[in-house]
């Protein structure tokens, strides 16, 4: 009996399923991104819970955006490799891993777990806004000192 090839959305699902048929371990960069996104979700919820900022609206928004990232990469990765765009998708995944990594470090710092050199470098040079807490909460002392120093330098230039 003749079996038709799936088409439409089922064709896309079939292509993705065939691609990952041998396991995700052959495509470790996709797995690492998924693991980093899951860790970011867990730490973000922990941070919100610890600072009494947990909100179902933020939770839904974050879950939808993180799930969309995972789905876009997991579904798009096989197609970009097929189009010989592996360096492009790999660069995109690495940049997303760096962004999520910054968020993970900020959440860990807010929860009291600081990684000495990496944490300070990112606070000063990469993603300062993620380390700022909600107004009224205690910010890390070193960050407050840096803000005062920057404000005084800015006043002196004016």
N, C-alpha and C. Protein backbone atom coordinates (compact mmCIF):
# COMPACT_ATOMS: atom_id res chain seq x y z
N UNK A 1 0.83 -1.17 0.00
CA UNK A 1 0.00 0.00 0.00
C UNK A 1 0.89 1.25 0.00
N UNK A 2 0.50 2.24 -0.75
CA UNK A 2 1.26 3.48 -0.88
C UNK A 2 0.97 4.40 0.30
N UNK A 3 2.06 4.87 0.93
CA UNK A 3 1.91 5.80 2.05
C UNK A 3 2.39 7.18 1.61
N UNK A 4 1.52 8.16 1.78
CA UNK A 4 1.86 9.52 1.37
C UNK A 4 2.88 10.13 2.31
N UNK A 5 3.75 10.96 1.72
CA UNK A 5 4.70 11.73 2.54
C UNK A 5 3.93 12.81 3.28
N UNK A 6 4.27 13.05 4.53
CA UNK A 6 3.57 14.11 5.24
C UNK A 6 3.87 15.47 4.61
N UNK A 7 2.88 16.34 4.64
CA UNK A 7 3.09 17.67 4.10
C UNK A 7 2.60 18.70 5.11
N UNK A 8 2.86 19.96 4.80
CA UNK A 8 2.45 21.03 5.71
C UNK A 8 3.20 20.95 7.03
N UNK A 9 2.49 21.19 8.10
CA UNK A 9 3.11 21.21 9.42
C UNK A 9 3.64 19.83 9.80
N UNK A 10 2.96 18.77 9.33
CA UNK A 10 3.42 17.42 9.63
C UNK A 10 4.73 17.11 8.90
N UNK A 11 4.93 17.71 7.74
CA UNK A 11 6.19 17.54 7.02
C UNK A 11 7.34 18.19 7.78
N UNK A 12 7.09 19.36 8.34
CA UNK A 12 8.12 20.04 9.13
C UNK A 12 8.45 19.21 10.37
N UNK A 13 7.42 18.72 11.03
CA UNK A 13 7.64 17.90 12.23
C UNK A 13 8.42 16.64 11.86
N UNK A 14 8.13 16.05 10.73
CA UNK A 14 8.84 14.84 10.30
C UNK A 14 10.31 15.13 10.02
N UNK A 15 10.60 16.25 9.37
CA UNK A 15 11.99 16.62 9.09
C UNK A 15 12.76 16.82 10.40
N UNK A 16 12.16 17.53 11.35
CA UNK A 16 12.81 17.77 12.64
C UNK A 16 12.99 16.46 13.39
N UNK A 17 11.96 15.60 13.39
CA UNK A 17 12.05 14.31 14.07
C UNK A 17 13.15 13.45 13.48
N UNK A 18 13.25 13.42 12.15
CA UNK A 18 14.31 12.65 11.50
C UNK A 18 15.69 13.20 11.85
N UNK A 19 15.79 14.52 11.93
CA UNK A 19 17.07 15.14 12.24
C UNK A 19 17.57 14.74 13.62
N UNK A 20 16.67 14.76 14.60
CA UNK A 20 17.06 14.44 15.97
C UNK A 20 16.89 12.95 16.30
N UNK A 21 16.64 12.14 15.28
CA UNK A 21 16.40 10.70 15.48
C UNK A 21 17.57 10.02 16.18
N UNK A 22 18.77 10.46 15.93
CA UNK A 22 19.95 9.82 16.52
C UNK A 22 20.29 10.38 17.89
N UNK A 23 19.49 11.27 18.38
CA UNK A 23 19.72 11.84 19.71
C UNK A 23 20.27 13.24 19.64
N UNK A 24 20.00 13.99 20.67
CA UNK A 24 20.43 15.38 20.71
C UNK A 24 21.92 15.50 20.99
N UNK A 25 22.56 14.41 21.43
CA UNK A 25 23.98 14.47 21.76
C UNK A 25 24.85 14.76 20.55
N UNK A 26 24.34 14.53 19.35
CA UNK A 26 25.10 14.89 18.15
C UNK A 26 25.01 16.39 17.86
N UNK A 27 24.10 17.05 18.50
CA UNK A 27 23.87 18.48 18.31
C UNK A 27 23.92 19.14 19.68
N UNK A 28 25.07 19.08 20.30
CA UNK A 28 25.24 19.46 21.69
C UNK A 28 24.94 20.94 21.93
N UNK A 29 25.18 21.78 20.94
CA UNK A 29 24.96 23.22 21.13
C UNK A 29 23.47 23.52 21.36
N UNK A 30 22.59 22.77 20.70
CA UNK A 30 21.15 22.95 20.90
C UNK A 30 20.77 22.48 22.31
N UNK A 31 21.33 21.36 22.72
CA UNK A 31 21.05 20.85 24.06
C UNK A 31 21.55 21.82 25.13
N UNK A 32 22.75 22.38 24.93
CA UNK A 32 23.29 23.33 25.90
C UNK A 32 22.41 24.56 26.02
N UNK A 33 21.92 25.07 24.90
CA UNK A 33 21.02 26.22 24.96
C UNK A 33 19.75 25.87 25.73
N UNK A 34 19.19 24.70 25.47
CA UNK A 34 17.98 24.29 26.19
C UNK A 34 18.25 24.18 27.70
N UNK A 35 19.40 23.63 28.06
CA UNK A 35 19.74 23.49 29.48
C UNK A 35 19.94 24.86 30.13
N UNK A 36 20.59 25.78 29.42
CA UNK A 36 20.83 27.12 29.96
C UNK A 36 19.51 27.88 30.11
N UNK A 37 18.60 27.73 29.15
CA UNK A 37 17.29 28.39 29.25
C UNK A 37 16.52 27.83 30.45
N UNK A 38 16.55 26.50 30.62
CA UNK A 38 15.86 25.89 31.77
C UNK A 38 16.45 26.39 33.09
N UNK A 39 17.77 26.49 33.16
CA UNK A 39 18.41 27.00 34.38
C UNK A 39 18.03 28.46 34.63
N UNK A 40 17.95 29.24 33.56
CA UNK A 40 17.56 30.64 33.71
C UNK A 40 16.14 30.76 34.24
N UNK A 41 15.24 29.91 33.76
CA UNK A 41 13.86 29.92 34.25
C UNK A 41 13.83 29.59 35.74
N UNK A 42 14.53 28.54 36.13
CA UNK A 42 14.55 28.11 37.53
C UNK A 42 15.11 29.20 38.43
N UNK A 43 16.25 29.78 38.03
CA UNK A 43 16.86 30.82 38.85
C UNK A 43 16.06 32.12 38.85
N UNK A 44 15.43 32.44 37.74
CA UNK A 44 14.59 33.63 37.69
C UNK A 44 13.40 33.53 38.62
N UNK A 45 12.77 32.36 38.64
CA UNK A 45 11.65 32.14 39.55
C UNK A 45 12.14 32.19 40.99
N UNK A 46 13.30 31.59 41.25
CA UNK A 46 13.86 31.61 42.61
C UNK A 46 14.16 33.03 43.06
N UNK A 47 14.72 33.82 42.16
CA UNK A 47 15.04 35.21 42.48
C UNK A 47 13.77 36.00 42.77
N UNK A 48 12.76 35.84 41.93
CA UNK A 48 11.50 36.55 42.14
C UNK A 48 10.85 36.12 43.46
N UNK A 49 10.93 34.85 43.75
CA UNK A 49 10.35 34.34 44.99
C UNK A 49 11.09 34.91 46.21
N UNK A 50 12.41 34.94 46.13
CA UNK A 50 13.21 35.42 47.25
C UNK A 50 12.98 36.90 47.53
N UNK A 51 12.75 37.69 46.49
CA UNK A 51 12.55 39.12 46.65
C UNK A 51 11.07 39.51 46.67
N UNK A 52 10.20 38.52 46.78
CA UNK A 52 8.76 38.74 46.84
C UNK A 52 8.26 39.55 45.65
N UNK A 53 8.78 39.22 44.47
CA UNK A 53 8.37 39.88 43.23
C UNK A 53 7.66 38.91 42.29
N UNK A 54 7.30 37.75 42.79
CA UNK A 54 6.70 36.74 41.92
C UNK A 54 5.35 37.23 41.41
N UNK A 55 5.19 37.17 40.10
CA UNK A 55 3.96 37.64 39.46
C UNK A 55 3.59 36.65 38.36
N UNK A 56 2.33 36.27 38.31
CA UNK A 56 1.92 35.31 37.29
C UNK A 56 2.05 35.89 35.89
N UNK A 57 1.90 37.20 35.76
CA UNK A 57 2.05 37.85 34.45
C UNK A 57 3.50 37.73 33.96
N UNK A 58 4.46 38.05 34.85
CA UNK A 58 5.88 37.93 34.48
C UNK A 58 6.23 36.48 34.21
N UNK A 59 5.66 35.57 35.00
CA UNK A 59 5.93 34.14 34.83
C UNK A 59 5.46 33.69 33.45
N UNK A 60 4.24 34.04 33.07
CA UNK A 60 3.72 33.65 31.75
C UNK A 60 4.54 34.26 30.63
N UNK A 61 4.84 35.54 30.77
CA UNK A 61 5.62 36.23 29.72
C UNK A 61 6.99 35.57 29.56
N UNK A 62 7.66 35.30 30.67
CA UNK A 62 8.96 34.66 30.62
C UNK A 62 8.90 33.25 30.07
N UNK A 63 7.90 32.50 30.51
CA UNK A 63 7.76 31.13 30.03
C UNK A 63 7.48 31.08 28.54
N UNK A 64 6.63 31.98 28.06
CA UNK A 64 6.31 32.03 26.63
C UNK A 64 7.55 32.42 25.82
N UNK A 65 8.28 33.43 26.27
CA UNK A 65 9.46 33.87 25.50
C UNK A 65 10.56 32.81 25.52
N UNK A 66 10.76 32.17 26.66
CA UNK A 66 11.79 31.12 26.73
C UNK A 66 11.39 29.89 25.91
N UNK A 67 10.12 29.53 25.97
CA UNK A 67 9.65 28.39 25.18
C UNK A 67 9.76 28.70 23.69
N UNK A 68 9.43 29.93 23.31
CA UNK A 68 9.56 30.32 21.90
C UNK A 68 11.01 30.21 21.44
N UNK A 69 11.94 30.63 22.29
CA UNK A 69 13.36 30.54 21.93
C UNK A 69 13.77 29.08 21.71
N UNK A 70 13.36 28.22 22.61
CA UNK A 70 13.70 26.80 22.48
C UNK A 70 13.09 26.22 21.21
N UNK A 71 11.83 26.50 20.95
CA UNK A 71 11.17 25.95 19.77
C UNK A 71 11.77 26.49 18.47
N UNK A 72 12.04 27.79 18.43
CA UNK A 72 12.62 28.37 17.22
C UNK A 72 13.97 27.73 16.91
N UNK A 73 14.79 27.57 17.92
CA UNK A 73 16.11 26.98 17.70
C UNK A 73 15.99 25.49 17.37
N UNK A 74 15.18 24.76 18.13
CA UNK A 74 15.07 23.32 17.91
C UNK A 74 14.49 22.99 16.54
N UNK A 75 13.53 23.80 16.09
CA UNK A 75 12.92 23.55 14.77
C UNK A 75 13.76 24.16 13.66
N UNK A 76 14.32 25.34 13.89
CA UNK A 76 15.08 26.01 12.84
C UNK A 76 16.47 25.44 12.61
N UNK A 77 17.06 24.84 13.64
CA UNK A 77 18.43 24.33 13.53
C UNK A 77 18.61 23.33 12.38
N UNK A 78 17.76 22.31 12.25
CA UNK A 78 17.94 21.37 11.13
C UNK A 78 17.85 22.05 9.77
N UNK A 79 16.94 23.02 9.64
CA UNK A 79 16.77 23.68 8.35
C UNK A 79 17.95 24.59 8.01
N UNK A 80 18.49 25.27 9.00
CA UNK A 80 19.65 26.12 8.73
C UNK A 80 20.88 25.29 8.39
N UNK A 81 21.02 24.14 9.02
CA UNK A 81 22.14 23.26 8.65
C UNK A 81 21.97 22.75 7.22
N UNK A 82 20.74 22.43 6.86
CA UNK A 82 20.45 21.95 5.51
C UNK A 82 20.76 23.03 4.47
N UNK A 83 20.61 24.30 4.85
CA UNK A 83 20.88 25.41 3.94
C UNK A 83 22.34 25.87 4.02
N UNK A 84 23.18 25.08 4.67
CA UNK A 84 24.61 25.40 4.86
C UNK A 84 24.82 26.72 5.58
N UNK A 85 23.98 27.01 6.56
CA UNK A 85 24.10 28.22 7.36
C UNK A 85 24.49 27.88 8.80
N UNK A 86 25.26 26.82 8.96
CA UNK A 86 25.66 26.38 10.30
C UNK A 86 26.39 27.47 11.08
N UNK A 87 27.34 28.21 10.48
CA UNK A 87 28.01 29.25 11.26
C UNK A 87 27.06 30.34 11.75
N UNK A 88 26.03 30.65 10.97
CA UNK A 88 25.08 31.69 11.35
C UNK A 88 24.26 31.24 12.55
N UNK A 89 23.70 30.04 12.48
CA UNK A 89 22.86 29.56 13.59
C UNK A 89 23.71 29.30 14.82
N UNK A 90 24.95 28.83 14.64
CA UNK A 90 25.82 28.62 15.79
C UNK A 90 26.18 29.94 16.47
N UNK A 91 26.42 30.99 15.68
CA UNK A 91 26.70 32.31 16.26
C UNK A 91 25.48 32.84 17.01
N UNK A 92 24.30 32.62 16.45
CA UNK A 92 23.07 33.04 17.11
C UNK A 92 22.90 32.30 18.44
N UNK A 93 23.12 31.00 18.43
CA UNK A 93 22.96 30.19 19.64
C UNK A 93 23.99 30.61 20.69
N UNK A 94 25.21 30.85 20.29
CA UNK A 94 26.24 31.27 21.24
C UNK A 94 25.91 32.63 21.84
N UNK A 95 25.40 33.55 21.02
CA UNK A 95 25.02 34.86 21.56
C UNK A 95 23.84 34.73 22.53
N UNK A 96 22.91 33.85 22.25
CA UNK A 96 21.78 33.63 23.17
C UNK A 96 22.27 32.97 24.45
N UNK A 97 23.24 32.08 24.34
CA UNK A 97 23.80 31.45 25.54
C UNK A 97 24.50 32.50 26.41
N UNK A 98 25.17 33.46 25.78
CA UNK A 98 25.84 34.53 26.54
C UNK A 98 24.81 35.41 27.24
N UNK A 99 23.72 35.74 26.54
CA UNK A 99 22.68 36.58 27.14
C UNK A 99 22.01 35.86 28.31
N UNK A 100 21.68 34.60 28.10
CA UNK A 100 21.06 33.83 29.19
C UNK A 100 22.07 33.61 30.32
N UNK A 101 23.34 33.45 29.98
CA UNK A 101 24.37 33.30 31.00
C UNK A 101 24.48 34.53 31.87
N UNK A 102 24.37 35.70 31.27
CA UNK A 102 24.39 36.95 32.03
C UNK A 102 23.20 37.01 32.98
N UNK A 103 22.05 36.58 32.51
CA UNK A 103 20.86 36.56 33.35
C UNK A 103 21.02 35.57 34.50
N UNK A 104 21.63 34.44 34.23
CA UNK A 104 21.88 33.43 35.27
C UNK A 104 22.82 33.99 36.33
N UNK A 105 23.89 34.66 35.90
CA UNK A 105 24.82 35.26 36.85
C UNK A 105 24.15 36.33 37.69
N UNK A 106 23.29 37.13 37.08
CA UNK A 106 22.57 38.17 37.83
C UNK A 106 21.65 37.55 38.87
N UNK A 107 20.96 36.49 38.49
CA UNK A 107 20.06 35.83 39.43
C UNK A 107 20.85 35.19 40.56
N UNK A 108 21.96 34.55 40.24
CA UNK A 108 22.80 33.94 41.28
C UNK A 108 23.33 35.02 42.22
N UNK A 109 23.75 36.14 41.67
CA UNK A 109 24.26 37.23 42.49
C UNK A 109 23.18 37.77 43.42
N UNK A 110 21.97 37.91 42.89
CA UNK A 110 20.86 38.39 43.71
C UNK A 110 20.51 37.40 44.81
N UNK A 111 20.74 36.13 44.56
CA UNK A 111 20.46 35.10 45.56
C UNK A 111 21.62 34.91 46.53
N UNK A 112 22.71 35.66 46.33
CA UNK A 112 23.84 35.60 47.26
C UNK A 112 24.99 34.73 46.82
N UNK A 113 24.93 34.17 45.62
CA UNK A 113 26.02 33.34 45.09
C UNK A 113 26.77 34.16 44.06
N UNK A 114 27.96 34.62 44.42
CA UNK A 114 28.74 35.44 43.50
C UNK A 114 29.98 34.68 43.05
N UNK A 115 30.26 34.76 41.77
CA UNK A 115 31.47 34.17 41.20
C UNK A 115 32.46 35.32 41.08
N UNK A 116 33.56 35.29 41.84
CA UNK A 116 34.41 36.47 42.07
C UNK A 116 34.77 37.31 40.84
N UNK A 117 35.47 36.79 39.88
CA UNK A 117 35.99 37.63 38.80
C UNK A 117 34.98 37.81 37.67
N UNK A 118 34.31 36.75 37.32
CA UNK A 118 33.36 36.81 36.21
C UNK A 118 32.19 37.73 36.54
N UNK A 119 31.68 37.59 37.75
CA UNK A 119 30.54 38.39 38.19
C UNK A 119 30.85 39.89 38.12
N UNK A 120 32.00 40.28 38.65
CA UNK A 120 32.38 41.70 38.65
C UNK A 120 32.61 42.22 37.23
N UNK A 121 33.22 41.41 36.38
CA UNK A 121 33.47 41.83 35.00
C UNK A 121 32.16 42.09 34.27
N UNK A 122 31.20 41.20 34.42
CA UNK A 122 29.92 41.38 33.75
C UNK A 122 29.16 42.56 34.32
N UNK A 123 29.22 42.74 35.64
CA UNK A 123 28.55 43.90 36.26
C UNK A 123 29.09 45.21 35.71
N UNK A 124 30.41 45.28 35.54
CA UNK A 124 31.02 46.53 35.10
C UNK A 124 30.96 46.75 33.61
N UNK A 125 31.12 45.69 32.82
CA UNK A 125 31.35 45.88 31.39
C UNK A 125 30.29 45.35 30.45
N UNK A 126 29.50 44.38 30.87
CA UNK A 126 28.64 43.72 29.90
C UNK A 126 27.18 44.08 30.07
N UNK A 127 26.60 43.72 31.19
CA UNK A 127 25.15 43.84 31.33
C UNK A 127 24.79 44.35 32.71
N UNK A 128 25.03 45.59 32.95
CA UNK A 128 24.86 46.19 34.26
C UNK A 128 23.39 46.20 34.72
N UNK A 129 22.45 46.41 33.80
CA UNK A 129 21.05 46.53 34.16
C UNK A 129 20.48 45.27 34.80
N UNK A 130 20.96 44.11 34.40
CA UNK A 130 20.43 42.88 34.97
C UNK A 130 20.79 42.73 36.44
N UNK A 131 21.84 43.41 36.88
CA UNK A 131 22.28 43.29 38.26
C UNK A 131 21.60 44.29 39.17
N UNK A 132 20.90 45.25 38.59
CA UNK A 132 20.18 46.23 39.41
C UNK A 132 18.88 45.60 39.89
N UNK A 133 18.61 45.75 41.17
CA UNK A 133 17.42 45.18 41.74
C UNK A 133 16.31 46.21 41.77
N UNK A 134 15.14 45.76 42.12
CA UNK A 134 13.98 46.63 42.21
C UNK A 134 14.25 47.74 43.23
N UNK A 135 13.71 48.94 42.96
CA UNK A 135 13.93 50.07 43.88
C UNK A 135 13.43 49.71 45.28
N UNK A 136 14.18 50.16 46.26
CA UNK A 136 13.81 49.90 47.64
C UNK A 136 14.49 48.67 48.21
N UNK A 137 15.05 47.83 47.37
CA UNK A 137 15.76 46.66 47.85
C UNK A 137 17.25 46.97 47.91
N UNK A 138 17.93 46.27 48.73
CA UNK A 138 19.36 46.49 48.90
C UNK A 138 20.11 46.02 47.67
N UNK A 139 20.91 46.89 47.09
CA UNK A 139 21.75 46.53 45.96
C UNK A 139 23.11 46.12 46.49
N UNK A 140 23.86 45.35 45.70
CA UNK A 140 25.20 44.99 46.15
C UNK A 140 26.03 46.24 46.46
N UNK A 141 26.79 46.21 47.55
CA UNK A 141 27.52 47.39 48.03
C UNK A 141 28.52 47.90 47.00
N UNK A 142 29.22 46.99 46.35
CA UNK A 142 30.21 47.43 45.36
C UNK A 142 29.56 48.16 44.21
N UNK A 143 28.38 47.70 43.80
CA UNK A 143 27.67 48.35 42.70
C UNK A 143 27.24 49.75 43.10
N UNK A 144 26.81 49.93 44.35
CA UNK A 144 26.45 51.26 44.83
C UNK A 144 27.64 52.19 44.80
N UNK A 145 28.81 51.69 45.24
CA UNK A 145 30.02 52.51 45.23
C UNK A 145 30.37 52.93 43.80
N UNK A 146 30.26 51.99 42.87
CA UNK A 146 30.57 52.30 41.47
C UNK A 146 29.61 53.35 40.93
N UNK A 147 28.32 53.26 41.29
CA UNK A 147 27.35 54.24 40.82
C UNK A 147 27.69 55.63 41.35
N UNK A 148 28.02 55.72 42.64
CA UNK A 148 28.39 57.01 43.22
C UNK A 148 29.64 57.57 42.55
N UNK A 149 30.62 56.71 42.30
CA UNK A 149 31.86 57.13 41.65
C UNK A 149 31.57 57.66 40.25
N UNK A 150 30.74 56.94 39.49
CA UNK A 150 30.39 57.38 38.13
C UNK A 150 29.62 58.69 38.16
N UNK A 151 28.71 58.86 39.14
CA UNK A 151 27.95 60.10 39.24
C UNK A 151 28.87 61.27 39.57
N UNK A 152 29.81 61.06 40.47
CA UNK A 152 30.73 62.15 40.82
C UNK A 152 31.65 62.48 39.64
N UNK A 153 32.10 61.49 38.89
CA UNK A 153 32.92 61.74 37.70
C UNK A 153 32.13 62.52 36.67
N UNK A 154 30.84 62.17 36.54
CA UNK A 154 29.99 62.85 35.55
C UNK A 154 29.79 64.32 35.96
N UNK A 155 29.61 64.58 37.25
CA UNK A 155 29.43 65.94 37.74
C UNK A 155 30.70 66.76 37.54
N UNK A 156 31.86 66.15 37.75
CA UNK A 156 33.12 66.85 37.59
C UNK A 156 33.38 67.26 36.16
N UNK A 157 32.89 66.47 35.21
CA UNK A 157 33.08 66.80 33.79
C UNK A 157 32.18 67.95 33.36
N UNK A 158 31.04 68.09 34.00
CA UNK A 158 30.07 69.12 33.59
C UNK A 158 30.49 70.50 33.96
